[in-house]
Amino acid sequence: MRAVLQRVRRAAVRVDGEVVGEITRPGLMALVGVTHEDGVAQAGVIARKIADLRLLEDDGDAHAGAPGPERSVADLGAPVLVVSQFTLYGDARKGRRPTWNRAAPAEVAQPLVEAVVADLRARGLEVASGRFGAHMEIDMVADGPVTLLVEAQ
């Protein structure tokens, strides 16, 4: 399982023009991909990384005029937008057409993406999500930009 984490000021995901998931303050957008060998253990690792990686800036002491040390979404109570992204396991090494053979089928991937969301919520975090399998439009305001690829081996 892997996730691309993007530090954002805000982000929203729409399906057929309807907002299905949104965060309106600084946090993380997590694009989550699942491969065939993944299970609940990998979902837990990814959720822990999303919650605990120190990717956000703390406003620190507003009077000092400088941001504080980097903090995690768990440290700050920041929101997370989780979007399933099977294309994270695309392979474009040959030719001009990527293959998706390494991406898990929906019946494997959907419960694991939902497990990531459930794990984050169990940690007390505010979590929004996209709609699995839908064609989604994502709007976001990247912060930094700060983008990191994390994997659960």
N, C-alpha and C. Protein backbone atom coordinates (compact mmCIF):
# COMPACT_ATOMS: atom_id res chain seq x y z
N MET A 1 0.86 -1.16 0.00
CA MET A 1 0.00 0.00 0.00
C MET A 1 0.90 1.22 0.00
N ARG A 2 0.45 2.23 -0.73
CA ARG A 2 1.21 3.47 -0.76
C ARG A 2 0.24 4.65 -0.74
N ALA A 3 0.78 5.78 -0.34
CA ALA A 3 -0.01 7.00 -0.32
C ALA A 3 0.87 8.17 -0.72
N VAL A 4 0.31 9.07 -1.47
CA VAL A 4 0.94 10.35 -1.75
C VAL A 4 0.28 11.35 -0.82
N LEU A 5 1.08 11.96 0.05
CA LEU A 5 0.58 12.93 1.01
C LEU A 5 0.92 14.33 0.52
N GLN A 6 -0.07 15.17 0.45
CA GLN A 6 0.10 16.54 -0.02
C GLN A 6 -0.37 17.48 1.08
N ARG A 7 0.51 18.37 1.51
CA ARG A 7 0.10 19.39 2.48
C ARG A 7 -0.75 20.41 1.74
N VAL A 8 -1.94 20.69 2.29
CA VAL A 8 -2.88 21.57 1.62
C VAL A 8 -3.41 22.64 2.58
N ARG A 9 -3.84 23.74 2.01
CA ARG A 9 -4.55 24.79 2.77
C ARG A 9 -6.02 24.41 2.88
N ARG A 10 -6.52 23.80 1.80
CA ARG A 10 -7.90 23.28 1.76
C ARG A 10 -8.00 22.35 0.56
N ALA A 11 -9.00 21.48 0.57
CA ALA A 11 -9.17 20.54 -0.54
C ALA A 11 -10.60 20.03 -0.56
N ALA A 12 -11.07 19.71 -1.76
CA ALA A 12 -12.43 19.17 -1.91
C ALA A 12 -12.44 18.18 -3.05
N VAL A 13 -13.32 17.20 -2.94
CA VAL A 13 -13.50 16.22 -4.01
C VAL A 13 -14.98 16.22 -4.38
N ARG A 14 -15.23 16.25 -5.71
CA ARG A 14 -16.60 16.29 -6.23
C ARG A 14 -16.85 15.07 -7.11
N VAL A 15 -18.09 14.60 -7.07
CA VAL A 15 -18.57 13.56 -7.97
C VAL A 15 -19.85 14.09 -8.59
N ASP A 16 -19.89 14.15 -9.91
CA ASP A 16 -21.05 14.68 -10.63
C ASP A 16 -21.45 16.06 -10.12
N GLY A 17 -20.46 16.90 -9.84
CA GLY A 17 -20.71 18.27 -9.39
C GLY A 17 -21.03 18.42 -7.92
N GLU A 18 -21.21 17.33 -7.20
CA GLU A 18 -21.55 17.36 -5.77
C GLU A 18 -20.29 17.16 -4.94
N VAL A 19 -20.09 18.03 -3.94
CA VAL A 19 -18.97 17.87 -3.03
C VAL A 19 -19.26 16.67 -2.13
N VAL A 20 -18.38 15.66 -2.20
CA VAL A 20 -18.57 14.45 -1.38
C VAL A 20 -17.58 14.39 -0.23
N GLY A 21 -16.52 15.19 -0.30
CA GLY A 21 -15.54 15.25 0.77
C GLY A 21 -14.81 16.58 0.70
N GLU A 22 -14.57 17.18 1.87
CA GLU A 22 -13.94 18.50 1.86
C GLU A 22 -13.25 18.77 3.18
N ILE A 23 -12.09 19.40 3.11
CA ILE A 23 -11.47 19.97 4.30
C ILE A 23 -11.27 21.45 4.02
N THR A 24 -11.60 22.28 4.99
CA THR A 24 -11.65 23.72 4.76
C THR A 24 -10.55 24.48 5.49
N ARG A 25 -9.64 23.74 6.10
CA ARG A 25 -8.52 24.38 6.79
C ARG A 25 -7.26 23.55 6.53
N PRO A 26 -6.08 24.06 6.88
CA PRO A 26 -4.85 23.34 6.56
C PRO A 26 -4.81 21.92 7.12
N GLY A 27 -4.33 21.01 6.29
CA GLY A 27 -4.22 19.60 6.65
C GLY A 27 -3.51 18.85 5.55
N LEU A 28 -3.89 17.58 5.37
CA LEU A 28 -3.28 16.73 4.36
C LEU A 28 -4.32 16.15 3.43
N MET A 29 -3.96 16.04 2.16
CA MET A 29 -4.71 15.21 1.24
C MET A 29 -3.89 13.95 1.05
N ALA A 30 -4.53 12.80 1.17
CA ALA A 30 -3.84 11.51 1.04
C ALA A 30 -4.47 10.74 -0.12
N LEU A 31 -3.70 10.55 -1.19
CA LEU A 31 -4.11 9.69 -2.28
C LEU A 31 -3.60 8.30 -1.95
N VAL A 32 -4.50 7.33 -1.81
CA VAL A 32 -4.14 6.01 -1.31
C VAL A 32 -4.33 4.95 -2.39
N GLY A 33 -3.27 4.18 -2.64
CA GLY A 33 -3.30 3.09 -3.61
C GLY A 33 -3.06 1.76 -2.93
N VAL A 34 -3.72 0.72 -3.43
CA VAL A 34 -3.66 -0.62 -2.84
C VAL A 34 -3.19 -1.60 -3.90
N THR A 35 -2.29 -2.51 -3.50
CA THR A 35 -1.85 -3.57 -4.39
C THR A 35 -2.33 -4.92 -3.85
N HIS A 36 -2.12 -5.97 -4.60
CA HIS A 36 -2.70 -7.29 -4.31
C HIS A 36 -2.30 -7.87 -2.96
N GLU A 37 -1.08 -7.64 -2.53
CA GLU A 37 -0.58 -8.26 -1.30
C GLU A 37 -0.98 -7.50 -0.04
N ASP A 38 -1.65 -6.37 -0.17
CA ASP A 38 -1.97 -5.55 0.99
C ASP A 38 -3.11 -6.14 1.81
N GLY A 39 -3.07 -5.80 3.10
CA GLY A 39 -4.11 -6.22 4.03
C GLY A 39 -4.30 -5.17 5.11
N VAL A 40 -4.98 -5.56 6.17
CA VAL A 40 -5.30 -4.65 7.26
C VAL A 40 -4.03 -4.09 7.92
N ALA A 41 -2.99 -4.91 8.01
CA ALA A 41 -1.74 -4.43 8.62
C ALA A 41 -1.17 -3.26 7.84
N GLN A 42 -1.17 -3.34 6.51
CA GLN A 42 -0.64 -2.25 5.69
C GLN A 42 -1.52 -1.00 5.82
N ALA A 43 -2.82 -1.20 5.92
CA ALA A 43 -3.72 -0.05 6.11
C ALA A 43 -3.40 0.66 7.42
N GLY A 44 -3.09 -0.09 8.45
CA GLY A 44 -2.72 0.51 9.73
C GLY A 44 -1.42 1.29 9.66
N VAL A 45 -0.45 0.76 8.92
CA VAL A 45 0.83 1.45 8.76
C VAL A 45 0.62 2.78 8.03
N ILE A 46 -0.14 2.74 6.95
CA ILE A 46 -0.40 3.97 6.18
C ILE A 46 -1.15 4.98 7.03
N ALA A 47 -2.16 4.54 7.77
CA ALA A 47 -2.91 5.46 8.63
C ALA A 47 -1.99 6.09 9.68
N ARG A 48 -1.11 5.29 10.26
CA ARG A 48 -0.17 5.83 11.27
C ARG A 48 0.74 6.87 10.64
N LYS A 49 1.24 6.59 9.43
CA LYS A 49 2.11 7.56 8.77
C LYS A 49 1.36 8.84 8.45
N ILE A 50 0.14 8.73 7.95
CA ILE A 50 -0.67 9.92 7.66
C ILE A 50 -0.86 10.75 8.93
N ALA A 51 -1.17 10.08 10.03
CA ALA A 51 -1.45 10.78 11.29
C ALA A 51 -0.20 11.37 11.93
N ASP A 52 0.93 10.67 11.84
CA ASP A 52 2.09 11.02 12.67
C ASP A 52 3.25 11.70 11.96
N LEU A 53 3.31 11.64 10.63
CA LEU A 53 4.42 12.31 9.95
C LEU A 53 4.34 13.82 10.17
N ARG A 54 5.46 14.41 10.44
CA ARG A 54 5.52 15.84 10.76
C ARG A 54 5.70 16.64 9.47
N LEU A 55 4.57 16.91 8.81
CA LEU A 55 4.57 17.60 7.53
C LEU A 55 3.94 18.98 7.57
N LEU A 56 3.27 19.29 8.67
CA LEU A 56 2.54 20.56 8.77
C LEU A 56 3.34 21.58 9.56
N GLU A 57 3.10 22.84 9.25
CA GLU A 57 3.73 23.91 10.01
C GLU A 57 2.80 24.34 11.13
N ASP A 58 3.37 24.53 12.29
CA ASP A 58 2.65 25.07 13.42
C ASP A 58 2.79 26.58 13.34
N ASP A 59 1.72 27.30 13.61
CA ASP A 59 1.81 28.76 13.58
C ASP A 59 2.78 29.28 14.62
N GLY A 60 3.05 28.45 15.62
CA GLY A 60 4.01 28.84 16.65
C GLY A 60 3.53 30.04 17.43
N ASP A 61 4.44 30.79 17.91
CA ASP A 61 4.14 32.00 18.66
C ASP A 61 3.92 33.13 17.66
N ALA A 62 2.68 33.55 17.53
CA ALA A 62 2.35 34.58 16.56
C ALA A 62 3.15 35.86 16.80
N HIS A 63 3.53 36.11 18.04
CA HIS A 63 4.28 37.32 18.37
C HIS A 63 5.73 37.23 17.93
N ALA A 64 6.25 36.03 17.78
CA ALA A 64 7.65 35.87 17.39
C ALA A 64 7.84 36.09 15.89
N GLY A 65 6.76 35.94 15.12
CA GLY A 65 6.83 36.19 13.69
C GLY A 65 7.39 35.06 12.85
N ALA A 66 7.69 33.92 13.45
CA ALA A 66 8.23 32.79 12.70
C ALA A 66 7.42 31.55 13.01
N PRO A 67 7.25 30.67 11.99
CA PRO A 67 6.50 29.44 12.24
C PRO A 67 7.24 28.54 13.22
N GLY A 68 6.47 27.73 13.92
CA GLY A 68 7.04 26.78 14.85
C GLY A 68 7.56 25.56 14.13
N PRO A 69 7.97 24.54 14.85
CA PRO A 69 8.50 23.32 14.23
C PRO A 69 7.42 22.59 13.45
N GLU A 70 7.84 21.72 12.55
CA GLU A 70 6.88 20.92 11.81
C GLU A 70 6.13 20.02 12.77
N ARG A 71 4.85 19.85 12.50
CA ARG A 71 3.98 19.05 13.36
C ARG A 71 3.18 18.08 12.50
N SER A 72 2.56 17.12 13.14
CA SER A 72 1.74 16.14 12.43
C SER A 72 0.27 16.55 12.51
N VAL A 73 -0.57 15.88 11.70
CA VAL A 73 -2.00 16.15 11.80
C VAL A 73 -2.51 15.75 13.17
N ALA A 74 -1.93 14.69 13.76
CA ALA A 74 -2.33 14.28 15.10
C ALA A 74 -1.95 15.35 16.13
N ASP A 75 -0.76 15.94 15.99
CA ASP A 75 -0.33 17.00 16.92
C ASP A 75 -1.28 18.19 16.89
N LEU A 76 -1.71 18.57 15.69
CA LEU A 76 -2.48 19.80 15.51
C LEU A 76 -3.98 19.59 15.41
N GLY A 77 -4.43 18.33 15.33
CA GLY A 77 -5.86 18.09 15.11
C GLY A 77 -6.29 18.55 13.72
N ALA A 78 -5.37 18.49 12.78
CA ALA A 78 -5.65 18.95 11.41
C ALA A 78 -6.45 17.89 10.65
N PRO A 79 -7.21 18.32 9.66
CA PRO A 79 -8.04 17.37 8.90
C PRO A 79 -7.26 16.65 7.80
N VAL A 80 -7.84 15.55 7.33
CA VAL A 80 -7.26 14.75 6.25
C VAL A 80 -8.36 14.45 5.24
N LEU A 81 -8.04 14.59 3.96
CA LEU A 81 -8.93 14.17 2.89
C LEU A 81 -8.30 12.94 2.25
N VAL A 82 -8.97 11.79 2.33
CA VAL A 82 -8.47 10.52 1.78
C VAL A 82 -9.20 10.23 0.48
N VAL A 83 -8.42 9.97 -0.58
CA VAL A 83 -8.99 9.67 -1.89
C VAL A 83 -8.32 8.40 -2.41
N SER A 84 -9.11 7.41 -2.79
CA SER A 84 -8.54 6.19 -3.37
C SER A 84 -7.94 6.52 -4.73
N GLN A 85 -6.79 5.89 -5.03
CA GLN A 85 -6.05 6.24 -6.24
C GLN A 85 -5.35 5.00 -6.78
N PHE A 86 -6.07 4.18 -7.54
CA PHE A 86 -5.48 2.94 -8.06
C PHE A 86 -4.32 3.23 -9.00
N THR A 87 -4.28 4.41 -9.59
CA THR A 87 -3.21 4.73 -10.54
C THR A 87 -1.84 4.85 -9.89
N LEU A 88 -1.79 4.87 -8.55
CA LEU A 88 -0.49 4.88 -7.87
C LEU A 88 0.28 3.59 -8.14
N TYR A 89 -0.42 2.55 -8.59
CA TYR A 89 0.24 1.29 -8.94
C TYR A 89 0.28 1.09 -10.45
N GLY A 90 0.17 2.16 -11.21
CA GLY A 90 0.33 2.08 -12.66
C GLY A 90 1.79 1.85 -13.01
N ASP A 91 2.03 1.18 -14.12
CA ASP A 91 3.38 0.91 -14.59
C ASP A 91 3.52 1.44 -16.01
N ALA A 92 4.36 2.46 -16.17
CA ALA A 92 4.54 3.08 -17.48
C ALA A 92 5.96 2.90 -17.99
N ARG A 93 6.63 1.83 -17.56
CA ARG A 93 8.02 1.62 -17.98
C ARG A 93 8.14 1.26 -19.45
N LYS A 94 7.13 0.63 -20.02
CA LYS A 94 7.20 0.21 -21.41
C LYS A 94 6.09 0.88 -22.22
N GLY A 95 6.42 1.26 -23.42
CA GLY A 95 5.43 1.80 -24.34
C GLY A 95 4.83 3.12 -23.88
N ARG A 96 3.66 3.41 -24.43
CA ARG A 96 2.99 4.67 -24.13
C ARG A 96 1.70 4.48 -23.34
N ARG A 97 1.36 3.24 -23.07
CA ARG A 97 0.12 2.97 -22.35
C ARG A 97 0.45 2.29 -21.03
N PRO A 98 0.11 2.92 -19.89
CA PRO A 98 0.41 2.28 -18.61
C PRO A 98 -0.45 1.04 -18.39
N THR A 99 0.07 0.13 -17.58
CA THR A 99 -0.72 -1.03 -17.16
C THR A 99 -1.10 -0.83 -15.70
N TRP A 100 -2.16 -1.46 -15.30
CA TRP A 100 -2.67 -1.33 -13.94
C TRP A 100 -2.64 -2.68 -13.23
N ASN A 101 -1.81 -3.62 -13.69
CA ASN A 101 -1.77 -4.97 -13.15
C ASN A 101 -1.44 -5.02 -11.67
N ARG A 102 -0.66 -4.09 -11.17
CA ARG A 102 -0.25 -4.11 -9.77
C ARG A 102 -1.32 -3.52 -8.84
N ALA A 103 -2.30 -2.83 -9.39
CA ALA A 103 -3.38 -2.27 -8.57
C ALA A 103 -4.35 -3.39 -8.18
N ALA A 104 -4.74 -3.39 -6.91
CA ALA A 104 -5.68 -4.41 -6.42
C ALA A 104 -7.06 -4.16 -7.01
N PRO A 105 -7.83 -5.23 -7.22
CA PRO A 105 -9.22 -5.06 -7.69
C PRO A 105 -10.06 -4.38 -6.61
N ALA A 106 -11.16 -3.82 -7.02
CA ALA A 106 -12.03 -3.05 -6.12
C ALA A 106 -12.43 -3.83 -4.87
N GLU A 107 -12.72 -5.12 -5.02
CA GLU A 107 -13.18 -5.89 -3.86
C GLU A 107 -12.08 -6.05 -2.80
N VAL A 108 -10.83 -5.89 -3.19
CA VAL A 108 -9.71 -5.90 -2.24
C VAL A 108 -9.41 -4.49 -1.77
N ALA A 109 -9.36 -3.55 -2.70
CA ALA A 109 -8.92 -2.19 -2.39
C ALA A 109 -9.91 -1.39 -1.56
N GLN A 110 -11.19 -1.46 -1.88
CA GLN A 110 -12.17 -0.62 -1.20
C GLN A 110 -12.18 -0.83 0.32
N PRO A 111 -12.26 -2.07 0.81
CA PRO A 111 -12.26 -2.24 2.27
C PRO A 111 -10.97 -1.74 2.93
N LEU A 112 -9.85 -1.81 2.21
CA LEU A 112 -8.59 -1.36 2.79
C LEU A 112 -8.50 0.16 2.83
N VAL A 113 -8.98 0.84 1.80
CA VAL A 113 -9.04 2.31 1.85
C VAL A 113 -9.99 2.73 2.97
N GLU A 114 -11.11 2.05 3.10
CA GLU A 114 -12.04 2.35 4.19
C GLU A 114 -11.41 2.07 5.56
N ALA A 115 -10.53 1.06 5.64
CA ALA A 115 -9.83 0.78 6.90
C ALA A 115 -8.88 1.91 7.26
N VAL A 116 -8.23 2.50 6.27
CA VAL A 116 -7.37 3.66 6.53
C VAL A 116 -8.20 4.79 7.11
N VAL A 117 -9.33 5.09 6.50
CA VAL A 117 -10.23 6.15 6.98
C VAL A 117 -10.69 5.84 8.40
N ALA A 118 -11.12 4.60 8.66
CA ALA A 118 -11.60 4.22 9.99
C ALA A 118 -10.49 4.34 11.04
N ASP A 119 -9.28 3.93 10.68
CA ASP A 119 -8.15 4.03 11.61
C ASP A 119 -7.87 5.49 11.95
N LEU A 120 -7.87 6.37 10.96
CA LEU A 120 -7.64 7.79 11.21
C LEU A 120 -8.72 8.37 12.11
N ARG A 121 -9.97 8.00 11.85
CA ARG A 121 -11.07 8.49 12.70
C ARG A 121 -10.96 7.95 14.12
N ALA A 122 -10.51 6.70 14.26
CA ALA A 122 -10.33 6.11 15.59
C ALA A 122 -9.26 6.85 16.38
N ARG A 123 -8.35 7.51 15.68
CA ARG A 123 -7.32 8.33 16.32
C ARG A 123 -7.86 9.71 16.69
N GLY A 124 -9.14 9.96 16.42
CA GLY A 124 -9.76 11.23 16.76
C GLY A 124 -9.59 12.31 15.71
N LEU A 125 -9.14 11.94 14.51
CA LEU A 125 -8.91 12.93 13.47
C LEU A 125 -10.18 13.19 12.66
N GLU A 126 -10.27 14.40 12.14
CA GLU A 126 -11.32 14.78 11.21
C GLU A 126 -10.92 14.26 9.84
N VAL A 127 -11.75 13.38 9.25
CA VAL A 127 -11.41 12.76 7.98
C VAL A 127 -12.57 12.89 7.00
N ALA A 128 -12.27 13.38 5.82
CA ALA A 128 -13.23 13.40 4.72
C ALA A 128 -12.69 12.43 3.67
N SER A 129 -13.55 12.00 2.76
CA SER A 129 -13.06 11.06 1.75
C SER A 129 -13.81 11.25 0.44
N GLY A 130 -13.21 10.69 -0.59
CA GLY A 130 -13.84 10.67 -1.90
C GLY A 130 -14.84 9.53 -1.97
N ARG A 131 -15.27 9.20 -3.17
CA ARG A 131 -16.21 8.08 -3.38
C ARG A 131 -15.49 7.02 -4.19
N PHE A 132 -15.29 5.87 -3.59
CA PHE A 132 -14.51 4.80 -4.22
C PHE A 132 -15.10 4.45 -5.59
N GLY A 133 -14.22 4.36 -6.58
CA GLY A 133 -14.61 3.92 -7.92
C GLY A 133 -15.27 4.98 -8.78
N ALA A 134 -15.55 6.14 -8.22
CA ALA A 134 -16.21 7.20 -8.98
C ALA A 134 -15.19 8.04 -9.73
N HIS A 135 -15.63 8.70 -10.78
CA HIS A 135 -14.79 9.69 -11.45
C HIS A 135 -14.88 10.95 -10.58
N MET A 136 -13.75 11.35 -10.03
CA MET A 136 -13.73 12.46 -9.06
C MET A 136 -12.97 13.64 -9.62
N GLU A 137 -13.45 14.82 -9.27
CA GLU A 137 -12.73 16.06 -9.53
C GLU A 137 -12.20 16.55 -8.19
N ILE A 138 -10.90 16.84 -8.15
CA ILE A 138 -10.28 17.27 -6.90
C ILE A 138 -9.77 18.69 -7.06
N ASP A 139 -10.20 19.53 -6.13
CA ASP A 139 -9.69 20.90 -6.04
C ASP A 139 -8.87 20.97 -4.77
N MET A 140 -7.68 21.57 -4.87
CA MET A 140 -6.88 21.74 -3.67
C MET A 140 -5.99 22.96 -3.82
N VAL A 141 -5.64 23.50 -2.69
CA VAL A 141 -4.64 24.56 -2.65
C VAL A 141 -3.45 23.95 -1.93
N ALA A 142 -2.40 23.63 -2.71
CA ALA A 142 -1.20 23.02 -2.15
C ALA A 142 -0.49 24.04 -1.28
N ASP A 143 0.11 23.56 -0.21
CA ASP A 143 0.82 24.42 0.74
C ASP A 143 2.29 24.06 0.70
N GLY A 144 3.09 24.92 0.14
CA GLY A 144 4.53 24.69 0.10
C GLY A 144 5.09 24.76 -1.30
N PRO A 145 4.85 23.84 -2.15
CA PRO A 145 4.16 22.56 -1.93
C PRO A 145 5.04 21.56 -1.19
N VAL A 146 4.38 20.76 -0.38
CA VAL A 146 5.03 19.65 0.33
C VAL A 146 4.29 18.40 -0.10
N THR A 147 5.02 17.48 -0.74
CA THR A 147 4.44 16.22 -1.23
C THR A 147 5.39 15.09 -0.87
N LEU A 148 4.83 14.00 -0.34
CA LEU A 148 5.66 12.87 0.09
C LEU A 148 4.98 11.57 -0.29
N LEU A 149 5.76 10.63 -0.82
CA LEU A 149 5.27 9.27 -1.08
C LEU A 149 5.65 8.39 0.09
N VAL A 150 4.65 7.72 0.69
CA VAL A 150 4.92 6.79 1.78
C VAL A 150 4.39 5.41 1.39
N GLU A 151 5.08 4.38 1.88
CA GLU A 151 4.69 3.01 1.55
C GLU A 151 4.69 2.14 2.81
N ALA A 152 3.81 1.16 2.79
CA ALA A 152 3.78 0.13 3.83
C ALA A 152 4.28 -1.14 3.17
N GLN A 153 5.43 -1.60 3.57
CA GLN A 153 6.05 -2.77 2.93
C GLN A 153 5.44 -4.05 3.44
